[in-house]
């Protein structure tokens, strides 16, 4: 299994799903650059479902949000299940998504298994 891990994130691929856990509480543009770079290296030109756990995140800088919305932020992504832990994160995501539309289907969850079930319907 291919993996990448540093103090800000863990990324791995398992069973057709690219898993990303954001460990940083405060996400900056540099952290987003790092996540995108290593995710693209791991997927190696292939397409994957993505499970993104942002439940630890408290703040995402404006520049970080803008960086996520750029074209390469979604390269190789079929659909994204996003794990959150609070209503504040739901509000942040909905606000972010109203400005920077998600280029692939995305849905928020508080339960990883529910997110994985939802992602299953996008498998070919």
PDB file of N, CA and C in Angstrom:
ATOM      1  N   UNK A   1       0.856  -1.183   0.000  1.00  0.00           N
ATOM      2  CA  UNK A   1       0.000   0.000   0.000  1.00  0.00           C
ATOM      3  C   UNK A   1       0.896   1.239   0.000  1.00  0.00           C
ATOM      4  N   UNK A   2       0.660   2.152  -0.942  1.00  0.00           N
ATOM      5  CA  UNK A   2       1.398   3.410  -0.984  1.00  0.00           C
ATOM      6  C   UNK A   2       0.887   4.348   0.087  1.00  0.00           C
ATOM      7  N   UNK A   3       1.816   5.013   0.782  1.00  0.00           N
ATOM      8  CA  UNK A   3       1.419   5.946   1.832  1.00  0.00           C
ATOM      9  C   UNK A   3       2.336   7.158   1.844  1.00  0.00           C
ATOM     10  N   UNK A   4       1.810   8.233   2.396  1.00  0.00           N
ATOM     11  CA  UNK A   4       2.599   9.421   2.697  1.00  0.00           C
ATOM     12  C   UNK A   4       2.126   9.923   4.053  1.00  0.00           C
ATOM     13  N   UNK A   5       3.070  10.352   4.884  1.00  0.00           N
ATOM     14  CA  UNK A   5       2.693  10.894   6.187  1.00  0.00           C
ATOM     15  C   UNK A   5       3.707  11.944   6.627  1.00  0.00           C
ATOM     16  N   UNK A   6       3.180  13.047   7.145  1.00  0.00           N
ATOM     17  CA  UNK A   6       4.007  14.043   7.824  1.00  0.00           C
ATOM     18  C   UNK A   6       3.187  14.617   8.978  1.00  0.00           C
ATOM     19  N   UNK A   7       3.653  15.711   9.574  1.00  0.00           N
ATOM     20  CA  UNK A   7       2.955  16.272  10.741  1.00  0.00           C
ATOM     21  C   UNK A   7       1.599  16.886  10.395  1.00  0.00           C
ATOM     22  N   UNK A   8       1.341  17.134   9.115  1.00  0.00           N
ATOM     23  CA  UNK A   8       0.096  17.791   8.698  1.00  0.00           C
ATOM     24  C   UNK A   8      -0.954  16.870   8.097  1.00  0.00           C
ATOM     25  N   UNK A   9      -0.534  15.709   7.593  1.00  0.00           N
ATOM     26  CA  UNK A   9      -1.501  14.829   6.946  1.00  0.00           C
ATOM     27  C   UNK A   9      -0.990  13.404   6.826  1.00  0.00           C
ATOM     28  N   UNK A  10      -1.941  12.498   6.599  1.00  0.00           N
ATOM     29  CA  UNK A  10      -1.658  11.109   6.234  1.00  0.00           C
ATOM     30  C   UNK A  10      -2.448  10.830   4.969  1.00  0.00           C
ATOM     31  N   UNK A  11      -1.797  10.215   3.987  1.00  0.00           N
ATOM     32  CA  UNK A  11      -2.461   9.897   2.723  1.00  0.00           C
ATOM     33  C   UNK A  11      -2.099   8.462   2.350  1.00  0.00           C
ATOM     34  N   UNK A  12      -3.109   7.677   1.992  1.00  0.00           N
ATOM     35  CA  UNK A  12      -2.864   6.321   1.526  1.00  0.00           C
ATOM     36  C   UNK A  12      -4.011   5.888   0.618  1.00  0.00           C
ATOM     37  N   UNK A  13      -3.757   4.837  -0.148  1.00  0.00           N
ATOM     38  CA  UNK A  13      -4.764   4.281  -1.039  1.00  0.00           C
ATOM     39  C   UNK A  13      -5.067   2.863  -0.578  1.00  0.00           C
ATOM     40  N   UNK A  14      -6.369   2.576  -0.458  1.00  0.00           N
ATOM     41  CA  UNK A  14      -6.800   1.253  -0.032  1.00  0.00           C
ATOM     42  C   UNK A  14      -8.138   0.936  -0.695  1.00  0.00           C
ATOM     43  N   UNK A  15      -8.191  -0.195  -1.398  1.00  0.00           N
ATOM     44  CA  UNK A  15      -9.435  -0.678  -1.981  1.00  0.00           C
ATOM     45  C   UNK A  15     -10.107   0.361  -2.893  1.00  0.00           C
ATOM     46  N   UNK A  16      -9.310   1.040  -3.712  1.00  0.00           N
ATOM     47  CA  UNK A  16      -9.861   2.004  -4.664  1.00  0.00           C
ATOM     48  C   UNK A  16     -10.220   3.357  -4.077  1.00  0.00           C
ATOM     49  N   UNK A  17      -9.829   3.581  -2.815  1.00  0.00           N
ATOM     50  CA  UNK A  17     -10.138   4.854  -2.146  1.00  0.00           C
ATOM     51  C   UNK A  17      -8.837   5.508  -1.687  1.00  0.00           C
ATOM     52  N   UNK A  18      -8.686   6.774  -2.050  1.00  0.00           N
ATOM     53  CA  UNK A  18      -7.563   7.575  -1.555  1.00  0.00           C
ATOM     54  C   UNK A  18      -8.023   8.227  -0.249  1.00  0.00           C
ATOM     55  N   UNK A  19      -7.391   7.831   0.842  1.00  0.00           N
ATOM     56  CA  UNK A  19      -7.726   8.349   2.171  1.00  0.00           C
ATOM     57  C   UNK A  19      -6.782   9.494   2.509  1.00  0.00           C
ATOM     58  N   UNK A  20      -7.355  10.596   2.976  1.00  0.00           N
ATOM     59  CA  UNK A  20      -6.540  11.727   3.429  1.00  0.00           C
ATOM     60  C   UNK A  20      -7.052  12.135   4.805  1.00  0.00           C
ATOM     61  N   UNK A  21      -6.155  12.132   5.768  1.00  0.00           N
ATOM     62  CA  UNK A  21      -6.489  12.655   7.097  1.00  0.00           C
ATOM     63  C   UNK A  21      -5.662  13.910   7.290  1.00  0.00           C
ATOM     64  N   UNK A  22      -6.347  15.032   7.441  1.00  0.00           N
ATOM     65  CA  UNK A  22      -5.647  16.287   7.707  1.00  0.00           C
ATOM     66  C   UNK A  22      -5.438  16.384   9.211  1.00  0.00           C
ATOM     67  N   UNK A  23      -4.179  16.411   9.629  1.00  0.00           N
ATOM     68  CA  UNK A  23      -3.822  16.431  11.046  1.00  0.00           C
ATOM     69  C   UNK A  23      -3.672  17.856  11.578  1.00  0.00           C
ATOM     70  N   UNK A  24      -3.366  18.791  10.688  1.00  0.00           N
ATOM     71  CA  UNK A  24      -3.178  20.188  11.104  1.00  0.00           C
ATOM     72  C   UNK A  24      -4.498  20.783  11.577  1.00  0.00           C
ATOM     73  N   UNK A  25      -4.443  21.535  12.638  1.00  0.00           N
ATOM     74  CA  UNK A  25      -5.637  22.237  13.124  1.00  0.00           C
ATOM     75  C   UNK A  25      -5.861  23.529  12.340  1.00  0.00           C
ATOM     76  N   UNK A  26      -4.779  24.138  11.896  1.00  0.00           N
ATOM     77  CA  UNK A  26      -4.826  25.375  11.114  1.00  0.00           C
ATOM     78  C   UNK A  26      -4.220  25.062   9.745  1.00  0.00           C
ATOM     79  N   UNK A  27      -5.065  25.071   8.711  1.00  0.00           N
ATOM     80  CA  UNK A  27      -4.625  24.703   7.365  1.00  0.00           C
ATOM     81  C   UNK A  27      -4.262  25.958   6.583  1.00  0.00           C
ATOM     82  N   UNK A  28      -3.038  25.971   6.089  1.00  0.00           N
ATOM     83  CA  UNK A  28      -2.528  27.087   5.295  1.00  0.00           C
ATOM     84  C   UNK A  28      -2.366  26.647   3.837  1.00  0.00           C
ATOM     85  N   UNK A  29      -2.078  27.604   2.979  1.00  0.00           N
ATOM     86  CA  UNK A  29      -1.854  27.308   1.559  1.00  0.00           C
ATOM     87  C   UNK A  29      -0.706  26.315   1.396  1.00  0.00           C
ATOM     88  N   UNK A  30       0.360  26.460   2.176  1.00  0.00           N
ATOM     89  CA  UNK A  30       1.495  25.545   2.078  1.00  0.00           C
ATOM     90  C   UNK A  30       1.097  24.109   2.419  1.00  0.00           C
ATOM     91  N   UNK A  31       0.245  23.953   3.417  1.00  0.00           N
ATOM     92  CA  UNK A  31      -0.227  22.612   3.782  1.00  0.00           C
ATOM     93  C   UNK A  31      -1.059  22.028   2.651  1.00  0.00           C
ATOM     94  N   UNK A  32      -1.929  22.840   2.056  1.00  0.00           N
ATOM     95  CA  UNK A  32      -2.745  22.376   0.922  1.00  0.00           C
ATOM     96  C   UNK A  32      -1.842  21.977  -0.245  1.00  0.00           C
ATOM     97  N   UNK A  33      -0.833  22.790  -0.541  1.00  0.00           N
ATOM     98  CA  UNK A  33       0.125  22.474  -1.611  1.00  0.00           C
ATOM     99  C   UNK A  33       0.736  21.090  -1.362  1.00  0.00           C
ATOM    100  N   UNK A  34       1.130  20.846  -0.125  1.00  0.00           N
ATOM    101  CA  UNK A  34       1.756  19.587   0.268  1.00  0.00           C
ATOM    102  C   UNK A  34       0.783  18.418   0.090  1.00  0.00           C
ATOM    103  N   UNK A  35      -0.455  18.590   0.532  1.00  0.00           N
ATOM    104  CA  UNK A  35      -1.458  17.526   0.406  1.00  0.00           C
ATOM    105  C   UNK A  35      -1.708  17.208  -1.069  1.00  0.00           C
ATOM    106  N   UNK A  36      -1.925  18.240  -1.883  1.00  0.00           N
ATOM    107  CA  UNK A  36      -2.196  18.023  -3.309  1.00  0.00           C
ATOM    108  C   UNK A  36      -1.000  17.348  -3.976  1.00  0.00           C
ATOM    109  N   UNK A  37       0.193  17.830  -3.708  1.00  0.00           N
ATOM    110  CA  UNK A  37       1.406  17.273  -4.321  1.00  0.00           C
ATOM    111  C   UNK A  37       1.540  15.784  -4.015  1.00  0.00           C
ATOM    112  N   UNK A  38       1.404  15.416  -2.755  1.00  0.00           N
ATOM    113  CA  UNK A  38       1.607  14.014  -2.379  1.00  0.00           C
ATOM    114  C   UNK A  38       0.446  13.127  -2.805  1.00  0.00           C
ATOM    115  N   UNK A  39      -0.767  13.663  -2.832  1.00  0.00           N
ATOM    116  CA  UNK A  39      -1.903  12.888  -3.333  1.00  0.00           C
ATOM    117  C   UNK A  39      -1.705  12.580  -4.818  1.00  0.00           C
ATOM    118  N   UNK A  40      -1.297  13.584  -5.589  1.00  0.00           N
ATOM    119  CA  UNK A  40      -1.063  13.368  -7.021  1.00  0.00           C
ATOM    120  C   UNK A  40       0.056  12.362  -7.264  1.00  0.00           C
ATOM    121  N   UNK A  41       1.097  12.399  -6.434  1.00  0.00           N
ATOM    122  CA  UNK A  41       2.172  11.413  -6.564  1.00  0.00           C
ATOM    123  C   UNK A  41       1.657  10.005  -6.276  1.00  0.00           C
ATOM    124  N   UNK A  42       0.840   9.870  -5.242  1.00  0.00           N
ATOM    125  CA  UNK A  42       0.326   8.545  -4.875  1.00  0.00           C
ATOM    126  C   UNK A  42      -0.646   7.986  -5.914  1.00  0.00           C
ATOM    127  N   UNK A  43      -1.513   8.825  -6.463  1.00  0.00           N
ATOM    128  CA  UNK A  43      -2.503   8.301  -7.419  1.00  0.00           C
ATOM    129  C   UNK A  43      -1.876   8.014  -8.780  1.00  0.00           C
ATOM    130  N   UNK A  44      -0.742   8.630  -9.058  1.00  0.00           N
ATOM    131  CA  UNK A  44       0.063   8.317 -10.239  1.00  0.00           C
ATOM    132  C   UNK A  44      -0.758   8.299 -11.534  1.00  0.00           C
ATOM    133  N   UNK A  45      -1.587   9.323 -11.728  1.00  0.00           N
ATOM    134  CA  UNK A  45      -2.350   9.461 -12.960  1.00  0.00           C
ATOM    135  C   UNK A  45      -3.651   8.664 -13.007  1.00  0.00           C
ATOM    136  N   UNK A  46      -3.957   7.920 -11.960  1.00  0.00           N
ATOM    137  CA  UNK A  46      -5.192   7.134 -11.906  1.00  0.00           C
ATOM    138  C   UNK A  46      -6.299   7.940 -11.237  1.00  0.00           C
ATOM    139  N   UNK A  47      -7.537   7.424 -11.337  1.00  0.00           N
ATOM    140  CA  UNK A  47      -8.685   8.071 -10.697  1.00  0.00           C
ATOM    141  C   UNK A  47      -9.117   7.247  -9.492  1.00  0.00           C
ATOM    142  N   UNK A  48      -9.448   7.954  -8.404  1.00  0.00           N
ATOM    143  CA  UNK A  48      -9.854   7.296  -7.170  1.00  0.00           C
ATOM    144  C   UNK A  48     -11.027   8.021  -6.525  1.00  0.00           C
ATOM    145  N   UNK A  49     -11.755   7.270  -5.736  1.00  0.00           N
ATOM    146  CA  UNK A  49     -12.691   7.868  -4.799  1.00  0.00           C
ATOM    147  C   UNK A  49     -11.826   8.444  -3.693  1.00  0.00           C
ATOM    148  N   UNK A  50     -12.319   9.465  -2.998  1.00  0.00           N
ATOM    149  CA  UNK A  50     -11.513  10.059  -1.945  1.00  0.00           C
ATOM    150  C   UNK A  50     -12.329  10.172  -0.663  1.00  0.00           C
ATOM    151  N   UNK A  51     -11.678   9.811   0.436  1.00  0.00           N
ATOM    152  CA  UNK A  51     -12.242   9.987   1.763  1.00  0.00           C
ATOM    153  C   UNK A  51     -11.329  10.970   2.481  1.00  0.00           C
ATOM    154  N   UNK A  52     -11.849  12.166   2.746  1.00  0.00           N
ATOM    155  CA  UNK A  52     -11.047  13.236   3.339  1.00  0.00           C
ATOM    156  C   UNK A  52     -11.554  13.537   4.746  1.00  0.00           C
ATOM    157  N   UNK A  53     -10.722  13.241   5.728  1.00  0.00           N
ATOM    158  CA  UNK A  53     -11.075  13.472   7.129  1.00  0.00           C
ATOM    159  C   UNK A  53     -10.503  14.818   7.567  1.00  0.00           C
ATOM    160  N   UNK A  54     -11.394  15.801   7.721  1.00  0.00           N
ATOM    161  CA  UNK A  54     -10.971  17.132   8.176  1.00  0.00           C
ATOM    162  C   UNK A  54     -11.500  17.417   9.580  1.00  0.00           C
ATOM    163  N   UNK A  55     -11.815  16.364  10.316  1.00  0.00           N
ATOM    164  CA  UNK A  55     -12.448  16.536  11.625  1.00  0.00           C
ATOM    165  C   UNK A  55     -11.564  17.241  12.648  1.00  0.00           C
ATOM    166  N   UNK A  56     -10.248  17.237  12.447  1.00  0.00           N
ATOM    167  CA  UNK A  56      -9.339  17.917  13.379  1.00  0.00           C
ATOM    168  C   UNK A  56      -9.143  19.404  13.047  1.00  0.00           C
ATOM    169  N   UNK A  57      -9.543  19.799  11.831  1.00  0.00           N
ATOM    170  CA  UNK A  57      -9.295  21.160  11.351  1.00  0.00           C
ATOM    171  C   UNK A  57     -10.191  22.169  12.080  1.00  0.00           C
ATOM    172  N   UNK A  58      -9.578  23.247  12.525  1.00  0.00           N
ATOM    173  CA  UNK A  58     -10.313  24.344  13.171  1.00  0.00           C
ATOM    174  C   UNK A  58     -10.400  25.572  12.262  1.00  0.00           C
ATOM    175  N   UNK A  59      -9.326  25.824  11.476  1.00  0.00           N
ATOM    176  CA  UNK A  59      -9.257  27.013  10.623  1.00  0.00           C
ATOM    177  C   UNK A  59      -8.646  26.626   9.285  1.00  0.00           C
ATOM    178  N   UNK A  60      -9.249  27.125   8.201  1.00  0.00           N
ATOM    179  CA  UNK A  60      -8.660  26.998   6.860  1.00  0.00           C
ATOM    180  C   UNK A  60      -8.508  28.408   6.314  1.00  0.00           C
ATOM    181  N   UNK A  61      -7.263  28.826   6.083  1.00  0.00           N
ATOM    182  CA  UNK A  61      -6.990  30.159   5.536  1.00  0.00           C
ATOM    183  C   UNK A  61      -7.687  30.365   4.198  1.00  0.00           C
ATOM    184  N   UNK A  62      -7.951  31.616   3.880  1.00  0.00           N
ATOM    185  CA  UNK A  62      -8.577  31.970   2.599  1.00  0.00           C
ATOM    186  C   UNK A  62      -7.737  31.468   1.429  1.00  0.00           C
ATOM    187  N   UNK A  63      -6.419  31.663   1.505  1.00  0.00           N
ATOM    188  CA  UNK A  63      -5.528  31.222   0.431  1.00  0.00           C
ATOM    189  C   UNK A  63      -5.557  29.700   0.294  1.00  0.00           C
ATOM    190  N   UNK A  64      -5.710  29.004   1.411  1.00  0.00           N
ATOM    191  CA  UNK A  64      -5.792  27.540   1.379  1.00  0.00           C
ATOM    192  C   UNK A  64      -7.077  27.104   0.687  1.00  0.00           C
ATOM    193  N   UNK A  65      -8.183  27.753   0.989  1.00  0.00           N
ATOM    194  CA  UNK A  65      -9.459  27.426   0.340  1.00  0.00           C
ATOM    195  C   UNK A  65      -9.359  27.663  -1.160  1.00  0.00           C
ATOM    196  N   UNK A  66      -8.753  28.792  -1.537  1.00  0.00           N
ATOM    197  CA  UNK A  66      -8.600  29.095  -2.960  1.00  0.00           C
ATOM    198  C   UNK A  66      -7.725  28.051  -3.649  1.00  0.00           C
ATOM    199  N   UNK A  67      -6.681  27.632  -2.962  1.00  0.00           N
ATOM    200  CA  UNK A  67      -5.762  26.637  -3.545  1.00  0.00           C
ATOM    201  C   UNK A  67      -6.466  25.309  -3.768  1.00  0.00           C
ATOM    202  N   UNK A  68      -7.291  24.880  -2.817  1.00  0.00           N
ATOM    203  CA  UNK A  68      -8.042  23.635  -2.975  1.00  0.00           C
ATOM    204  C   UNK A  68      -8.944  23.689  -4.196  1.00  0.00           C
ATOM    205  N   UNK A  69      -9.456  24.865  -4.531  1.00  0.00           N
ATOM    206  CA  UNK A  69     -10.422  24.991  -5.623  1.00  0.00           C
ATOM    207  C   UNK A  69      -9.766  25.034  -7.006  1.00  0.00           C
ATOM    208  N   UNK A  70      -8.452  25.093  -7.069  1.00  0.00           N
ATOM    209  CA  UNK A  70      -7.788  25.117  -8.368  1.00  0.00           C
ATOM    210  C   UNK A  70      -7.877  23.748  -9.036  1.00  0.00           C
ATOM    211  N   UNK A  71      -7.697  23.734 -10.358  1.00  0.00           N
ATOM    212  CA  UNK A  71      -7.907  22.531 -11.161  1.00  0.00           C
ATOM    213  C   UNK A  71      -7.212  21.290 -10.621  1.00  0.00           C
ATOM    214  N   UNK A  72      -5.950  21.407 -10.267  1.00  0.00           N
ATOM    215  CA  UNK A  72      -5.222  20.207  -9.852  1.00  0.00           C
ATOM    216  C   UNK A  72      -5.653  19.701  -8.473  1.00  0.00           C
ATOM    217  N   UNK A  73      -6.451  20.493  -7.762  1.00  0.00           N
ATOM    218  CA  UNK A  73      -6.970  20.046  -6.472  1.00  0.00           C
ATOM    219  C   UNK A  73      -7.909  18.861  -6.598  1.00  0.00           C
ATOM    220  N   UNK A  74      -8.509  18.670  -7.774  1.00  0.00           N
ATOM    221  CA  UNK A  74      -9.466  17.582  -7.976  1.00  0.00           C
ATOM    222  C   UNK A  74      -9.016  16.562  -9.020  1.00  0.00           C
ATOM    223  N   UNK A  75      -7.822  16.715  -9.555  1.00  0.00           N
ATOM    224  CA  UNK A  75      -7.339  15.761 -10.556  1.00  0.00           C
ATOM    225  C   UNK A  75      -7.365  14.352  -9.961  1.00  0.00           C
ATOM    226  N   UNK A  76      -7.903  13.420 -10.728  1.00  0.00           N
ATOM    227  CA  UNK A  76      -7.918  12.027 -10.303  1.00  0.00           C
ATOM    228  C   UNK A  76      -8.969  11.694  -9.262  1.00  0.00           C
ATOM    229  N   UNK A  77      -9.888  12.606  -9.014  1.00  0.00           N
ATOM    230  CA  UNK A  77     -10.914  12.393  -7.992  1.00  0.00           C
ATOM    231  C   UNK A  77     -12.261  12.129  -8.652  1.00  0.00           C
ATOM    232  N   UNK A  78     -12.900  11.023  -8.268  1.00  0.00           N
ATOM    233  CA  UNK A  78     -14.211  10.661  -8.805  1.00  0.00           C
ATOM    234  C   UNK A  78     -15.315  11.274  -7.944  1.00  0.00           C
ATOM    235  N   UNK A  79     -15.214  11.114  -6.638  1.00  0.00           N
ATOM    236  CA  UNK A  79     -16.169  11.659  -5.660  1.00  0.00           C
ATOM    237  C   UNK A  79     -15.451  11.732  -4.319  1.00  0.00           C
ATOM    238  N   UNK A  80     -15.934  12.634  -3.442  1.00  0.00           N
ATOM    239  CA  UNK A  80     -15.270  12.849  -2.158  1.00  0.00           C
ATOM    240  C   UNK A  80     -16.268  12.759  -1.010  1.00  0.00           C
ATOM    241  N   UNK A  81     -15.977  11.875  -0.073  1.00  0.00           N
ATOM    242  CA  UNK A  81     -16.690  11.836   1.200  1.00  0.00           C
ATOM    243  C   UNK A  81     -15.841  12.587   2.205  1.00  0.00           C
ATOM    244  N   UNK A  82     -16.427  13.561   2.873  1.00  0.00           N
ATOM    245  CA  UNK A  82     -15.668  14.424   3.781  1.00  0.00           C
ATOM    246  C   UNK A  82     -16.133  14.173   5.212  1.00  0.00           C
ATOM    247  N   UNK A  83     -15.204  13.793   6.075  1.00  0.00           N
ATOM    248  CA  UNK A  83     -15.516  13.512   7.474  1.00  0.00           C
ATOM    249  C   UNK A  83     -15.290  14.776   8.293  1.00  0.00           C
ATOM    250  N   UNK A  84     -16.342  15.192   8.998  1.00  0.00           N
ATOM    251  CA  UNK A  84     -16.275  16.372   9.870  1.00  0.00           C
ATOM    252  C   UNK A  84     -16.722  15.977  11.273  1.00  0.00           C
ATOM    253  N   UNK A  85     -16.475  16.858  12.229  1.00  0.00           N
ATOM    254  CA  UNK A  85     -16.847  16.523  13.608  1.00  0.00           C
ATOM    255  C   UNK A  85     -17.740  17.560  14.277  1.00  0.00           C
ATOM    256  N   UNK A  86     -18.026  18.661  13.562  1.00  0.00           N
ATOM    257  CA  UNK A  86     -18.811  19.711  14.223  1.00  0.00           C
ATOM    258  C   UNK A  86     -19.691  20.459  13.237  1.00  0.00           C
ATOM    259  N   UNK A  87     -20.697  21.124  13.765  1.00  0.00           N
ATOM    260  CA  UNK A  87     -21.574  21.956  12.940  1.00  0.00           C
ATOM    261  C   UNK A  87     -20.795  23.124  12.331  1.00  0.00           C
ATOM    262  N   UNK A  88     -19.808  23.630  13.054  1.00  0.00           N
ATOM    263  CA  UNK A  88     -18.974  24.710  12.522  1.00  0.00           C
ATOM    264  C   UNK A  88     -18.286  24.264  11.235  1.00  0.00           C
ATOM    265  N   UNK A  89     -17.812  23.037  11.199  1.00  0.00           N
ATOM    266  CA  UNK A  89     -17.185  22.533   9.985  1.00  0.00           C
ATOM    267  C   UNK A  89     -18.192  22.424   8.847  1.00  0.00           C
ATOM    268  N   UNK A  90     -19.410  22.044   9.154  1.00  0.00           N
ATOM    269  CA  UNK A  90     -20.461  21.984   8.130  1.00  0.00           C
ATOM    270  C   UNK A  90     -20.704  23.381   7.567  1.00  0.00           C
ATOM    271  N   UNK A  91     -20.803  24.372   8.437  1.00  0.00           N
ATOM    272  CA  UNK A  91     -21.012  25.761   8.010  1.00  0.00           C
ATOM    273  C   UNK A  91     -19.835  26.233   7.158  1.00  0.00           C
ATOM    274  N   UNK A  92     -18.599  25.944   7.627  1.00  0.00           N
ATOM    275  CA  UNK A  92     -17.402  26.341   6.872  1.00  0.00           C
ATOM    276  C   UNK A  92     -17.412  25.707   5.485  1.00  0.00           C
ATOM    277  N   UNK A  93     -17.722  24.416   5.424  1.00  0.00           N
ATOM    278  CA  UNK A  93     -17.723  23.718   4.141  1.00  0.00           C
ATOM    279  C   UNK A  93     -18.802  24.277   3.218  1.00  0.00           C
ATOM    280  N   UNK A  94     -20.006  24.456   3.735  1.00  0.00           N
ATOM    281  CA  UNK A  94     -21.097  24.967   2.902  1.00  0.00           C
ATOM    282  C   UNK A  94     -20.779  26.356   2.369  1.00  0.00           C
ATOM    283  N   UNK A  95     -20.170  27.198   3.200  1.00  0.00           N
ATOM    284  CA  UNK A  95     -19.756  28.528   2.749  1.00  0.00           C
ATOM    285  C   UNK A  95     -18.687  28.397   1.661  1.00  0.00           C
ATOM    286  N   UNK A  96     -17.679  27.590   1.923  1.00  0.00           N
ATOM    287  CA  UNK A  96     -16.604  27.361   0.967  1.00  0.00           C
ATOM    288  C   UNK A  96     -17.170  26.851  -0.355  1.00  0.00           C
ATOM    289  N   UNK A  97     -18.080  25.883  -0.287  1.00  0.00           N
ATOM    290  CA  UNK A  97     -18.635  25.280  -1.498  1.00  0.00           C
ATOM    291  C   UNK A  97     -19.551  26.239  -2.253  1.00  0.00           C
ATOM    292  N   UNK A  98     -20.134  27.218  -1.565  1.00  0.00           N
ATOM    293  CA  UNK A  98     -20.968  28.197  -2.264  1.00  0.00           C
ATOM    294  C   UNK A  98     -20.121  29.157  -3.101  1.00  0.00           C
ATOM    295  N   UNK A  99     -18.889  29.349  -2.702  1.00  0.00           N
ATOM    296  CA  UNK A  99     -17.981  30.241  -3.439  1.00  0.00           C
ATOM    297  C   UNK A  99     -17.159  29.453  -4.461  1.00  0.00           C
ATOM    298  N   UNK A 100     -16.580  28.359  -3.996  1.00  0.00           N
ATOM    299  CA  UNK A 100     -15.711  27.534  -4.837  1.00  0.00           C
ATOM    300  C   UNK A 100     -16.398  26.184  -5.026  1.00  0.00           C
ATOM    301  N   UNK A 101     -17.188  26.059  -6.069  1.00  0.00           N
ATOM    302  CA  UNK A 101     -17.971  24.847  -6.317  1.00  0.00           C
ATOM    303  C   UNK A 101     -17.066  23.618  -6.446  1.00  0.00           C
ATOM    304  N   UNK A 102     -17.460  22.549  -5.776  1.00  0.00           N
ATOM    305  CA  UNK A 102     -16.716  21.295  -5.863  1.00  0.00           C
ATOM    306  C   UNK A 102     -16.815  20.750  -7.285  1.00  0.00           C
ATOM    307  N   UNK A 103     -15.688  20.391  -7.894  1.00  0.00           N
ATOM    308  CA  UNK A 103     -15.703  19.903  -9.274  1.00  0.00           C
ATOM    309  C   UNK A 103     -16.185  18.456  -9.401  1.00  0.00           C
ATOM    310  N   UNK A 104     -16.275  17.745  -8.291  1.00  0.00           N
ATOM    311  CA  UNK A 104     -16.757  16.361  -8.271  1.00  0.00           C
ATOM    312  C   UNK A 104     -17.808  16.244  -7.176  1.00  0.00           C
ATOM    313  N   UNK A 105     -18.642  15.190  -7.228  1.00  0.00           N
ATOM    314  CA  UNK A 105     -19.624  15.022  -6.150  1.00  0.00           C
ATOM    315  C   UNK A 105     -18.926  14.951  -4.791  1.00  0.00           C
ATOM    316  N   UNK A 106     -19.488  15.648  -3.815  1.00  0.00           N
ATOM    317  CA  UNK A 106     -18.917  15.666  -2.467  1.00  0.00           C
ATOM    318  C   UNK A 106     -20.046  15.703  -1.455  1.00  0.00           C
ATOM    319  N   UNK A 107     -19.833  15.034  -0.336  1.00  0.00           N
ATOM    320  CA  UNK A 107     -20.853  15.000   0.705  1.00  0.00           C
ATOM    321  C   UNK A 107     -20.168  14.920   2.062  1.00  0.00           C
ATOM    322  N   UNK A 108     -20.773  15.600   3.057  1.00  0.00           N
ATOM    323  CA  UNK A 108     -20.237  15.602   4.418  1.00  0.00           C
ATOM    324  C   UNK A 108     -20.807  14.452   5.232  1.00  0.00           C
ATOM    325  N   UNK A 109     -19.967  13.906   6.111  1.00  0.00           N
ATOM    326  CA  UNK A 109     -20.357  12.816   6.999  1.00  0.00           C
ATOM    327  C   UNK A 109     -19.683  12.997   8.354  1.00  0.00           C
ATOM    328  N   UNK A 110     -20.282  12.411   9.373  1.00  0.00           N
ATOM    329  CA  UNK A 110     -19.624  12.337  10.680  1.00  0.00           C
ATOM    330  C   UNK A 110     -19.171  10.907  10.963  1.00  0.00           C
ATOM    331  N   UNK A 111     -19.535   9.980  10.086  1.00  0.00           N
ATOM    332  CA  UNK A 111     -19.205   8.570  10.261  1.00  0.00           C
ATOM    333  C   UNK A 111     -18.455   8.056   9.026  1.00  0.00           C
ATOM    334  N   UNK A 112     -17.284   7.502   9.239  1.00  0.00           N
ATOM    335  CA  UNK A 112     -16.452   7.014   8.143  1.00  0.00           C
ATOM    336  C   UNK A 112     -17.138   5.903   7.355  1.00  0.00           C
ATOM    337  N   UNK A 113     -17.777   4.972   8.050  1.00  0.00           N
ATOM    338  CA  UNK A 113     -18.443   3.866   7.351  1.00  0.00           C
ATOM    339  C   UNK A 113     -19.562   4.355   6.446  1.00  0.00           C
ATOM    340  N   UNK A 114     -20.312   5.356   6.897  1.00  0.00           N
ATOM    341  CA  UNK A 114     -21.378   5.926   6.063  1.00  0.00           C
ATOM    342  C   UNK A 114     -20.782   6.590   4.822  1.00  0.00           C
ATOM    343  N   UNK A 115     -19.668   7.277   4.999  1.00  0.00           N
ATOM    344  CA  UNK A 115     -19.010   7.920   3.858  1.00  0.00           C
ATOM    345  C   UNK A 115     -18.534   6.873   2.859  1.00  0.00           C
ATOM    346  N   UNK A 116     -17.954   5.789   3.351  1.00  0.00           N
ATOM    347  CA  UNK A 116     -17.486   4.732   2.461  1.00  0.00           C
ATOM    348  C   UNK A 116     -18.645   4.067   1.726  1.00  0.00           C
ATOM    349  N   UNK A 117     -19.779   3.887   2.399  1.00  0.00           N
ATOM    350  CA  UNK A 117     -20.970   3.333   1.740  1.00  0.00           C
ATOM    351  C   UNK A 117     -21.421   4.250   0.607  1.00  0.00           C
ATOM    352  N   UNK A 118     -21.449   5.570   0.885  1.00  0.00           N
ATOM    353  CA  UNK A 118     -21.848   6.540  -0.138  1.00  0.00           C
ATOM    354  C   UNK A 118     -20.884   6.491  -1.327  1.00  0.00           C
ATOM    355  N   UNK A 119     -19.596   6.405  -1.055  1.00  0.00           N
ATOM    356  CA  UNK A 119     -18.594   6.361  -2.130  1.00  0.00           C
ATOM    357  C   UNK A 119     -18.745   5.115  -3.008  1.00  0.00           C
ATOM    358  N   UNK A 120     -19.206   4.019  -2.417  1.00  0.00           N
ATOM    359  CA  UNK A 120     -19.373   2.764  -3.158  1.00  0.00           C
ATOM    360  C   UNK A 120     -20.219   2.949  -4.415  1.00  0.00           C
ATOM    361  N   UNK A 121     -21.229   3.824  -4.353  1.00  0.00           N
ATOM    362  CA  UNK A 121     -22.102   3.975  -5.523  1.00  0.00           C
ATOM    363  C   UNK A 121     -21.401   4.636  -6.709  1.00  0.00           C
ATOM    364  N   UNK A 122     -20.202   5.172  -6.485  1.00  0.00           N
ATOM    365  CA  UNK A 122     -19.441   5.787  -7.573  1.00  0.00           C
ATOM    366  C   UNK A 122     -18.405   4.840  -8.165  1.00  0.00           C
ATOM    367  N   UNK A 123     -18.280   3.632  -7.590  1.00  0.00           N
ATOM    368  CA  UNK A 123     -17.342   2.657  -8.138  1.00  0.00           C
ATOM    369  C   UNK A 123     -17.887   2.144  -9.455  1.00  0.00           C
ATOM    370  N   UNK A 124     -16.995   1.929 -10.404  1.00  0.00           N
ATOM    371  CA  UNK A 124     -17.402   1.467 -11.738  1.00  0.00           C
ATOM    372  C   UNK A 124     -17.450  -0.037 -11.780  1.00  0.00           C
TER     373      UNK A 124
END
